[in-house]
Amino acid sequence: QVRLVESGGGSVKTGESLTLSCEASGDTGTMGAVGWFRQAPGQKHEGVAMIYVHNGVTFYDYSVKGRFVISHDHTKKIISLQMNSLKPEDTAMYYCASNRFGDSGVRFLPAGAMRYWGQGTQVTVSS
């Protein structure tokens, strides 16, 4: 089992920045991909960014590419999402999720492929 705990959400204005953190614990050696997903009210989970912790390969949704950066601190077991130039359309609940190493090939996985989920952290961007 892997436990994921998100933090760092908040309310900001357009153009400002936030950094989200996802602290992993438990059987972290089995993690393959760790992704940040977001869900706005009435919408499905949308993949934002993903990193493969064993080789550092990253993927980004086109809507955040160039603005968001995902990273992994192996020592602290924290997966961070640096969000810059935030827009009102970035407003959502943000979730950290992981699958198990070997569950799938290296690609930008959909929400349905993720095995473990955190509880989420709210990001609100006002104009």
Protein backbone atom coordinates (compact mmCIF):
# COMPACT_ATOMS: atom_id res chain seq x y z
CA GLN A 1 0.00 0.00 0.00
CA VAL A 2 1.08 3.54 -0.75
CA ARG A 3 -0.33 6.51 1.12
CA LEU A 4 -0.36 9.92 -0.56
CA VAL A 5 -1.00 13.21 1.24
CA GLU A 6 -1.33 16.46 -0.69
CA SER A 7 -0.75 19.96 0.63
CA GLY A 8 -0.10 23.47 -0.64
CA GLY A 9 -3.44 24.44 -2.16
CA GLY A 10 -4.97 27.84 -1.65
CA SER A 11 -6.57 30.90 -3.20
CA VAL A 12 -4.51 33.11 -5.48
CA LYS A 13 -5.03 35.69 -8.21
CA THR A 14 -4.41 35.32 -11.92
CA GLY A 15 -0.72 35.22 -12.73
CA GLU A 16 0.40 34.14 -9.29
CA SER A 17 2.12 30.88 -8.35
CA LEU A 18 1.53 27.94 -6.02
CA THR A 19 3.50 24.81 -5.24
CA LEU A 20 1.63 21.63 -4.38
CA SER A 21 3.32 18.81 -2.51
CA CYS A 22 2.47 15.13 -2.39
CA GLU A 23 4.14 13.20 0.41
CA ALA A 24 4.32 9.45 -0.19
CA SER A 25 4.64 6.82 2.53
CA GLY A 26 4.26 3.08 2.88
CA ASP A 27 5.46 0.77 0.11
CA THR A 28 6.94 3.62 -1.95
CA GLY A 29 9.48 1.35 -3.62
CA THR A 30 6.66 -0.09 -5.71
CA MET A 31 5.61 3.27 -7.22
CA GLY A 32 5.88 3.63 -10.96
CA ALA A 33 4.15 6.76 -12.21
CA VAL A 34 3.01 9.56 -9.94
CA GLY A 35 0.61 12.04 -11.43
CA TRP A 36 -1.23 15.18 -10.53
CA PHE A 37 -4.86 15.19 -11.60
CA ARG A 38 -7.49 17.86 -11.14
CA GLN A 39 -11.24 17.83 -10.97
CA ALA A 40 -13.47 20.86 -11.35
CA PRO A 41 -17.10 20.65 -10.15
CA GLY A 42 -19.14 18.46 -12.48
CA GLN A 43 -16.09 17.43 -14.48
CA LYS A 44 -14.06 14.24 -14.75
CA HIS A 45 -10.51 13.88 -13.44
CA GLU A 46 -8.08 15.57 -15.82
CA GLY A 47 -4.42 14.62 -15.96
CA VAL A 48 -2.17 17.62 -15.38
CA ALA A 49 1.35 16.25 -15.08
CA MET A 50 3.05 12.92 -14.47
CA ILE A 51 6.51 11.70 -13.53
CA TYR A 52 8.00 8.22 -13.54
CA VAL A 53 9.97 8.04 -10.31
CA HIS A 54 12.49 5.43 -11.50
CA ASN A 55 13.70 7.33 -14.57
CA GLY A 56 12.39 10.90 -14.23
CA VAL A 57 10.39 10.89 -17.47
CA THR A 58 7.68 13.56 -17.33
CA PHE A 59 4.47 14.31 -19.20
CA TYR A 60 2.31 17.43 -19.20
CA ASP A 61 -1.15 18.25 -20.43
CA TYR A 62 -1.03 20.84 -23.23
CA SER A 63 -3.02 23.28 -21.07
CA VAL A 64 -0.24 23.55 -18.47
CA LYS A 65 2.90 22.88 -20.50
CA GLY A 66 5.38 25.70 -19.97
CA ARG A 67 3.61 26.87 -16.80
CA PHE A 68 3.71 23.83 -14.49
CA VAL A 69 6.72 21.74 -13.47
CA ILE A 70 6.52 18.34 -11.77
CA SER A 71 9.47 17.04 -9.76
CA HIS A 72 10.37 14.22 -7.38
CA ASP A 73 12.55 14.42 -4.29
CA HIS A 74 13.70 10.83 -3.79
CA THR A 75 15.06 11.45 -0.31
CA LYS A 76 11.97 13.13 1.09
CA LYS A 77 9.58 11.04 -1.05
CA ILE A 78 7.76 14.19 -2.11
CA ILE A 79 6.34 14.83 -5.56
CA SER A 80 5.90 18.55 -6.16
CA LEU A 81 3.92 20.51 -8.72
CA GLN A 82 5.16 24.05 -9.24
CA MET A 83 2.33 26.03 -10.81
CA ASN A 84 3.16 29.38 -12.39
CA SER A 85 1.10 31.95 -14.27
CA LEU A 86 -2.09 30.54 -12.83
CA LYS A 87 -5.38 31.15 -14.63
CA PRO A 88 -8.99 30.98 -13.40
CA GLU A 89 -9.44 27.83 -15.50
CA ASP A 90 -6.83 26.11 -13.30
CA THR A 91 -9.33 26.24 -10.43
CA ALA A 92 -10.05 22.68 -9.25
CA MET A 93 -9.40 20.09 -6.59
CA TYR A 94 -5.92 18.71 -7.25
CA TYR A 95 -5.13 15.07 -6.50
CA CYS A 96 -1.91 13.11 -6.39
CA ALA A 97 -2.11 9.53 -7.63
CA SER A 98 0.26 6.65 -8.20
CA ASN A 99 0.30 3.33 -9.95
CA ARG A 100 2.58 0.37 -9.31
CA PHE A 101 5.83 -0.05 -11.20
CA GLY A 102 5.23 -2.40 -14.09
CA ASP A 103 1.45 -1.85 -14.21
CA SER A 104 1.81 -0.12 -17.57
CA GLY A 105 4.26 1.23 -20.11
CA VAL A 106 5.76 4.69 -19.84
CA ARG A 107 3.07 7.07 -21.07
CA PHE A 108 0.71 9.74 -19.75
CA LEU A 109 -1.71 7.50 -17.88
CA PRO A 110 -5.42 8.27 -17.43
CA ALA A 111 -7.02 8.53 -14.01
CA GLY A 112 -8.49 5.05 -14.35
CA ALA A 113 -5.01 3.53 -14.48
CA MET A 114 -3.94 4.93 -11.10
CA ARG A 115 -4.04 2.66 -8.08
CA TYR A 116 -3.49 4.97 -5.10
CA TRP A 117 -5.01 8.41 -4.51
CA GLY A 118 -4.60 11.21 -2.02
CA GLN A 119 -7.47 13.19 -0.52
CA GLY A 120 -6.92 16.28 -2.67
CA THR A 121 -6.09 19.93 -2.12
CA GLN A 122 -8.17 22.84 -3.45
CA VAL A 123 -6.70 25.44 -5.79
CA THR A 124 -8.77 28.54 -6.52
CA VAL A 125 -7.61 31.20 -8.97
CA SER A 126 -9.56 34.44 -9.16
CA SER A 127 -9.31 37.12 -11.82
